[in-house]
N, C-alpha and C. Protein backbone atom coordinates (compact mmCIF):
# COMPACT_ATOMS: atom_id res chain seq x y z
N UNK A 1 14.11 9.05 -11.32
CA UNK A 1 12.78 9.42 -12.01
C UNK A 1 12.14 8.30 -10.99
N UNK A 2 10.88 9.43 -10.69
CA UNK A 2 9.83 8.98 -9.83
C UNK A 2 8.48 8.99 -10.52
N UNK A 3 7.82 7.96 -10.46
CA UNK A 3 6.08 8.22 -11.13
C UNK A 3 4.81 7.83 -10.09
N UNK A 4 3.69 8.44 -9.74
CA UNK A 4 3.06 7.50 -9.25
C UNK A 4 2.67 6.45 -9.81
N UNK A 5 2.36 5.73 -9.09
CA UNK A 5 1.83 4.13 -9.73
C UNK A 5 0.66 3.85 -10.36
N UNK A 6 0.05 4.79 -10.24
CA UNK A 6 -1.23 5.18 -11.44
C UNK A 6 -1.08 5.23 -12.55
N UNK A 7 0.33 5.53 -12.98
CA UNK A 7 0.23 6.33 -14.67
C UNK A 7 1.04 5.05 -15.16
N UNK A 8 1.05 3.91 -14.56
CA UNK A 8 1.32 2.76 -14.94
C UNK A 8 0.99 1.91 -16.29
N UNK A 9 -0.82 1.88 -16.08
CA UNK A 9 -1.51 1.24 -16.73
C UNK A 9 -1.77 2.53 -18.32
N UNK A 10 -1.95 3.36 -17.31
CA UNK A 10 -1.45 4.46 -18.80
C UNK A 10 -0.43 4.49 -20.25
N UNK A 11 0.49 4.58 -19.15
CA UNK A 11 2.23 4.23 -19.69
C UNK A 11 2.04 3.77 -20.20
N UNK A 12 2.07 2.10 -19.82
CA UNK A 12 1.83 1.04 -20.75
C UNK A 12 1.01 0.68 -22.06
N UNK A 13 0.15 1.68 -22.20
CA UNK A 13 -1.37 1.53 -23.18
C UNK A 13 -0.33 2.91 -24.14
N UNK A 14 0.30 4.05 -23.51
CA UNK A 14 0.99 4.70 -24.49
C UNK A 14 2.01 4.19 -25.19
N UNK A 15 3.23 3.28 -24.71
CA UNK A 15 4.33 2.66 -24.99
C UNK A 15 3.44 2.04 -26.25
N UNK A 16 2.64 1.06 -25.95
CA UNK A 16 1.81 0.26 -26.74
C UNK A 16 1.65 1.08 -28.27
N UNK A 17 0.85 2.07 -27.88
CA UNK A 17 0.69 2.78 -29.22
C UNK A 17 1.95 3.59 -30.15
N UNK A 18 2.74 3.52 -29.44
CA UNK A 18 4.47 4.25 -30.10
C UNK A 18 5.03 3.01 -30.59
N UNK A 19 4.92 1.86 -29.76
CA UNK A 19 5.29 0.17 -30.77
C UNK A 19 4.84 -0.10 -31.67
N UNK A 20 3.81 0.25 -32.40
CA UNK A 20 2.50 0.52 -33.46
C UNK A 20 3.31 0.79 -34.36
N UNK A 21 4.16 1.76 -34.53
CA UNK A 21 4.67 2.73 -35.44
C UNK A 21 6.03 2.52 -35.62
N UNK A 22 6.12 2.50 -36.72
CA UNK A 22 7.56 1.56 -37.77
C UNK A 22 8.95 2.40 -38.04
N UNK A 23 8.54 4.11 -37.94
CA UNK A 23 9.19 4.69 -38.61
C UNK A 23 10.04 5.21 -37.36
N UNK A 24 10.66 4.58 -36.46
CA UNK A 24 11.21 5.30 -35.14
C UNK A 24 12.86 4.97 -35.40
N UNK A 25 14.24 4.99 -34.90
CA UNK A 25 15.71 4.98 -34.53
C UNK A 25 15.21 3.73 -33.79
N UNK A 26 16.29 2.92 -34.15
CA UNK A 26 16.87 1.71 -33.54
C UNK A 26 16.93 2.43 -31.75
N UNK A 27 17.48 3.84 -31.44
CA UNK A 27 17.53 3.96 -30.44
C UNK A 27 16.65 4.15 -29.14
N UNK A 28 15.95 4.61 -30.31
CA UNK A 28 14.52 5.31 -29.90
C UNK A 28 13.75 3.69 -29.42
N UNK A 29 13.71 2.92 -30.06
CA UNK A 29 12.93 2.00 -29.67
C UNK A 29 13.72 1.11 -28.52
N UNK A 30 15.47 1.20 -28.61
CA UNK A 30 15.34 0.36 -27.13
C UNK A 30 14.86 1.17 -26.05
N UNK A 31 15.09 2.34 -26.24
CA UNK A 31 14.74 3.30 -25.12
C UNK A 31 13.23 2.92 -24.30
N UNK A 32 12.56 2.71 -25.50
CA UNK A 32 11.11 2.34 -25.41
C UNK A 32 10.86 1.52 -24.65
N UNK A 33 11.73 0.66 -25.14
CA UNK A 33 11.44 -0.83 -24.71
C UNK A 33 12.28 -1.17 -23.19
N UNK A 34 13.29 -0.09 -22.69
CA UNK A 34 13.39 -0.05 -21.28
C UNK A 34 12.84 0.36 -20.28
N UNK A 35 11.96 1.40 -20.89
CA UNK A 35 10.84 1.76 -20.42
C UNK A 35 9.86 0.71 -19.78
N UNK A 36 9.23 0.21 -21.30
CA UNK A 36 7.93 -1.16 -21.34
C UNK A 36 8.12 -2.25 -20.14
N UNK A 37 9.88 -2.51 -19.84
CA UNK A 37 10.12 -3.56 -19.06
C UNK A 37 9.87 -3.11 -17.71
N UNK A 38 9.61 -1.98 -16.89
CA UNK A 38 9.36 -1.71 -15.88
C UNK A 38 8.01 -1.43 -15.68
N UNK A 39 7.48 -0.83 -16.80
CA UNK A 39 5.97 -1.17 -16.26
C UNK A 39 5.01 -2.29 -16.86
N UNK A 40 5.56 -3.47 -17.74
CA UNK A 40 5.14 -4.79 -17.61
C UNK A 40 5.75 -5.49 -15.75
N UNK A 41 6.35 -5.23 -15.52
CA UNK A 41 6.84 -5.80 -13.94
C UNK A 41 5.79 -5.38 -12.98
N UNK A 42 5.82 -3.95 -13.34
CA UNK A 42 4.57 -2.82 -12.13
C UNK A 42 2.93 -3.89 -11.89
N UNK A 43 2.68 -3.78 -13.63
CA UNK A 43 1.66 -4.36 -13.77
C UNK A 43 1.35 -5.73 -13.37
N UNK A 44 2.30 -6.45 -13.29
CA UNK A 44 2.49 -8.11 -13.10
C UNK A 44 1.96 -8.06 -11.31
N UNK A 45 2.78 -6.98 -10.89
CA UNK A 45 2.77 -6.69 -9.71
C UNK A 45 1.54 -6.24 -9.26
N UNK A 46 0.67 -5.43 -9.69
CA UNK A 46 -0.68 -4.91 -9.71
C UNK A 46 -1.73 -6.06 -9.81
N UNK A 47 -1.24 -6.85 -10.93
CA UNK A 47 -2.31 -8.45 -10.65
C UNK A 47 -2.50 -8.65 -9.60
N UNK A 48 -0.81 -9.29 -9.30
CA UNK A 48 -0.97 -9.64 -7.58
C UNK A 48 -1.45 -9.59 -6.69
N UNK A 49 -1.26 -8.15 -6.22
CA UNK A 49 -2.01 -7.15 -5.18
C UNK A 49 -3.44 -7.31 -5.54
N UNK A 50 -4.09 -7.72 -6.75
CA UNK A 50 -5.64 -7.54 -6.72
C UNK A 50 -5.95 -9.09 -6.60
N UNK A 51 -5.13 -10.12 -6.32
CA UNK A 51 -6.06 -10.93 -6.29
C UNK A 51 -5.54 -11.43 -5.31
N UNK A 52 -4.41 -10.60 -3.88
CA UNK A 52 -4.61 -10.81 -2.61
C UNK A 52 -5.40 -10.16 -1.96
N UNK A 53 -6.38 -8.93 -2.82
CA UNK A 53 -7.28 -7.98 -1.88
C UNK A 53 -8.04 -8.81 -2.45
N UNK A 54 -8.47 -9.19 -3.66
CA UNK A 54 -9.88 -10.35 -3.44
C UNK A 54 -9.58 -11.23 -2.47
N UNK A 55 -8.93 -12.04 -2.41
CA UNK A 55 -9.31 -13.29 -1.18
C UNK A 55 -9.38 -12.45 0.05
N UNK A 56 -8.84 -11.19 0.17
CA UNK A 56 -8.81 -11.00 1.86
C UNK A 56 -9.68 -9.92 2.04
N UNK A 57 -10.16 -9.59 1.10
CA UNK A 57 -11.57 -8.70 0.99
C UNK A 57 -12.70 -9.52 0.82
N UNK A 58 -13.19 -10.45 0.32
CA UNK A 58 -14.16 -11.47 -0.23
C UNK A 58 -14.41 -11.32 -1.14
N UNK A 59 -13.79 -10.96 -2.21
CA UNK A 59 -14.45 -10.28 -3.52
C UNK A 59 -14.79 -11.67 -4.34
N UNK A 60 -15.38 -11.70 -5.39
CA UNK A 60 -15.62 -12.79 -6.07
C UNK A 60 -15.34 -12.37 -7.24
N UNK A 61 -15.33 -13.15 -8.33
CA UNK A 61 -14.84 -13.00 -9.82
C UNK A 61 -16.17 -13.18 -10.33
N UNK A 62 -16.49 -11.99 -11.60
CA UNK A 62 -17.54 -12.23 -12.51
C UNK A 62 -17.42 -11.92 -13.31
N UNK A 63 -17.45 -13.56 -14.32
CA UNK A 63 -16.64 -13.99 -15.66
C UNK A 63 -16.84 -12.89 -16.93
N UNK A 64 -18.64 -12.46 -16.65
CA UNK A 64 -19.20 -11.82 -17.52
C UNK A 64 -18.77 -10.40 -17.80
N UNK A 65 -18.59 -10.10 -16.64
CA UNK A 65 -17.84 -8.43 -16.58
C UNK A 65 -17.08 -8.52 -16.77
N UNK A 66 -16.17 -9.38 -16.38
CA UNK A 66 -14.51 -9.31 -16.25
C UNK A 66 -14.41 -8.47 -15.41
N UNK A 67 -14.59 -8.45 -13.98
CA UNK A 67 -14.64 -7.69 -13.04
C UNK A 67 -14.48 -8.31 -11.88
N UNK A 68 -13.76 -7.47 -10.52
CA UNK A 68 -14.25 -8.49 -8.71
C UNK A 68 -15.29 -7.70 -8.53
N UNK A 69 -16.38 -8.44 -7.81
CA UNK A 69 -17.32 -7.75 -6.60
C UNK A 69 -17.24 -7.61 -5.69
N UNK A 70 -16.97 -6.81 -4.84
CA UNK A 70 -16.85 -6.80 -3.36
C UNK A 70 -18.12 -6.38 -2.81
N UNK A 71 -17.89 -7.45 -1.08
CA UNK A 71 -19.38 -7.01 -0.42
C UNK A 71 -18.94 -5.39 -0.19
N UNK A 72 -20.19 -4.54 -0.46
CA UNK A 72 -20.52 -3.64 0.78
C UNK A 72 -19.48 -2.93 1.63
N UNK A 73 -19.82 -3.34 2.38
CA UNK A 73 -19.38 -2.94 3.85
C UNK A 73 -18.00 -3.19 4.04
N UNK A 74 -17.19 -3.35 2.51
CA UNK A 74 -15.81 -3.71 2.62
C UNK A 74 -15.42 -2.95 1.34
N UNK A 75 -16.17 -1.91 0.63
CA UNK A 75 -15.73 -1.21 -0.72
C UNK A 75 -14.84 -0.32 -0.06
N UNK A 76 -15.04 0.74 1.08
CA UNK A 76 -14.98 1.72 1.76
C UNK A 76 -12.78 1.25 2.21
N UNK A 77 -12.75 0.75 3.03
CA UNK A 77 -11.33 0.27 2.85
C UNK A 77 -10.58 -0.09 2.27
N UNK A 78 -11.11 -0.85 1.24
CA UNK A 78 -10.69 -1.82 -0.04
C UNK A 78 -9.88 -0.41 -0.47
N UNK A 79 -11.07 0.67 -0.49
CA UNK A 79 -10.57 1.72 -1.46
C UNK A 79 -8.90 2.53 -1.54
N UNK A 80 -9.16 2.80 0.29
CA UNK A 80 -8.28 3.43 1.14
C UNK A 80 -6.96 2.57 0.45
N UNK A 81 -7.19 1.41 0.79
CA UNK A 81 -5.74 0.63 0.57
C UNK A 81 -5.84 0.88 -0.84
N UNK A 82 -6.55 0.49 -1.97
CA UNK A 82 -5.81 0.77 -3.34
C UNK A 82 -5.43 2.28 -3.37
N UNK A 83 -6.49 3.41 -3.63
CA UNK A 83 -5.60 5.08 -2.81
C UNK A 83 -4.06 4.76 -2.76
N UNK A 84 -3.75 4.44 -1.18
CA UNK A 84 -2.35 4.51 -1.17
C UNK A 84 -1.29 3.60 -1.55
N UNK A 85 -2.09 2.35 -2.18
CA UNK A 85 -1.21 1.63 -3.23
C UNK A 85 -0.49 2.25 -5.11
N UNK A 86 -1.52 2.98 -5.15
CA UNK A 86 -1.70 4.00 -6.46
C UNK A 86 -0.81 5.25 -6.11
N UNK A 87 -0.64 5.75 -5.13
CA UNK A 87 -0.11 7.27 -4.57
C UNK A 87 1.07 6.68 -4.27
N UNK A 88 1.68 5.16 -4.60
CA UNK A 88 3.07 5.37 -4.30
C UNK A 88 4.25 5.51 -5.40
N UNK A 89 5.21 5.95 -4.96
CA UNK A 89 6.18 6.64 -6.27
C UNK A 89 6.81 5.09 -6.36
N UNK A 90 7.35 5.27 -7.93
CA UNK A 90 8.31 4.04 -7.87
C UNK A 90 9.13 4.49 -9.07
N UNK A 91 10.40 3.89 -9.09
CA UNK A 91 11.33 4.22 -9.30
C UNK A 91 11.70 3.46 -11.08
N UNK A 92 11.94 4.49 -11.52
CA UNK A 92 11.45 4.87 -13.29
C UNK A 92 13.41 4.66 -13.63
N UNK A 93 13.51 4.02 -15.11
CA UNK A 93 14.82 4.29 -15.37
C UNK A 93 15.18 5.83 -15.66
N UNK A 94 15.78 6.17 -15.50
CA UNK A 94 16.44 7.49 -16.32
C UNK A 94 16.69 7.52 -17.78
N UNK A 95 15.56 7.25 -18.30
CA UNK A 95 15.74 7.25 -19.43
C UNK A 95 15.16 8.16 -20.57
N UNK A 96 15.32 8.55 -21.09
CA UNK A 96 14.38 9.92 -22.06
C UNK A 96 14.71 10.20 -23.28
N UNK A 97 13.29 10.41 -24.14
CA UNK A 97 13.75 10.66 -25.10
C UNK A 97 13.41 12.06 -25.65
N UNK A 98 13.87 12.05 -27.46
CA UNK A 98 13.89 13.66 -27.31
C UNK A 98 12.60 13.80 -28.50
N UNK A 99 12.31 15.13 -28.06
CA UNK A 99 11.05 15.65 -28.48
C UNK A 99 10.72 15.26 -30.30
N UNK A 100 12.11 15.67 -30.75
CA UNK A 100 12.57 15.18 -32.08
C UNK A 100 12.10 13.99 -32.53
N UNK A 101 12.27 13.02 -31.71
CA UNK A 101 12.57 12.12 -31.97
C UNK A 101 10.78 11.29 -32.47
N UNK A 102 10.20 11.63 -31.93
CA UNK A 102 8.85 11.51 -31.99
C UNK A 102 7.65 11.94 -32.94
N UNK A 103 8.98 13.06 -33.43
CA UNK A 103 7.97 14.14 -34.42
C UNK A 103 7.21 13.23 -35.35
N UNK A 104 7.63 12.28 -35.83
CA UNK A 104 7.28 11.41 -37.05
C UNK A 104 6.12 10.62 -37.03
N UNK A 105 5.86 10.16 -35.81
CA UNK A 105 4.96 9.24 -35.27
C UNK A 105 3.49 9.64 -35.14
N UNK A 106 3.52 11.01 -34.99
CA UNK A 106 1.81 11.69 -35.25
C UNK A 106 1.10 10.83 -33.90
N UNK A 107 1.79 11.79 -31.97
CA UNK A 107 1.07 10.97 -31.62
C UNK A 107 -0.16 11.82 -30.43
N UNK A 108 -1.19 10.87 -29.94
CA UNK A 108 -2.57 11.64 -29.87
C UNK A 108 -1.98 12.45 -28.37
N UNK A 109 -2.79 13.51 -28.74
CA UNK A 109 -2.56 14.07 -26.88
C UNK A 109 -2.66 13.65 -25.52
N UNK A 110 -3.65 12.75 -25.50
CA UNK A 110 -3.38 11.51 -24.28
C UNK A 110 -1.94 10.68 -24.10
N UNK A 111 -1.43 10.39 -25.71
CA UNK A 111 0.14 9.61 -25.39
C UNK A 111 0.93 10.92 -25.06
N UNK A 112 0.83 11.83 -25.74
CA UNK A 112 2.42 12.51 -25.40
C UNK A 112 1.89 13.15 -23.38
N UNK A 113 1.18 13.57 -23.06
CA UNK A 113 0.89 13.80 -21.86
C UNK A 113 1.72 12.77 -20.67
N UNK A 114 1.15 11.65 -20.88
CA UNK A 114 1.52 10.59 -20.23
C UNK A 114 3.37 10.26 -20.67
N UNK A 115 3.82 10.67 -21.69
CA UNK A 115 5.28 10.52 -21.77
C UNK A 115 5.83 11.30 -21.69
N UNK A 116 4.95 12.82 -20.56
CA UNK A 116 6.00 14.04 -20.82
C UNK A 116 7.12 13.47 -19.76
N UNK A 117 7.12 12.71 -18.86
CA UNK A 117 8.19 13.12 -17.74
C UNK A 117 9.34 12.30 -18.21
N UNK A 118 9.18 11.57 -19.88
CA UNK A 118 10.41 10.53 -20.62
C UNK A 118 11.18 11.78 -21.20
N UNK A 119 10.15 12.89 -21.93
CA UNK A 119 10.72 13.79 -23.01
C UNK A 119 11.42 14.88 -22.38
N UNK A 120 12.14 14.85 -23.61
CA UNK A 120 13.49 15.98 -23.00
C UNK A 120 13.73 16.60 -24.38
N UNK A 121 13.91 18.16 -23.97
CA UNK A 121 13.30 19.37 -25.95
C UNK A 121 14.44 19.16 -26.09
């Protein structure tokens, strides 16, 4: 299965929400961890890319706002590169969770939406 890279951060947040729940079967927890392993690797890769872009485009880190500021004349070019990166398809494991397994944990609408590619009825 593939998903767009831009879904990785919301997927990571959704998995953390699920992990905060205790009433899941061990088999469900295992499948969640398999998905989370890929998410962690992708987030690390994203961090490396951001650092490379900061260096290449002359960005400066603002400690107060915890953000990177880029020169105005480079923002459009940077935006195009980031859009291409975020629209790339990434391979995810063929790991699915049955909808019934998620019933007892009361997921938010946003979390359920992010998890939809991994849910089977």
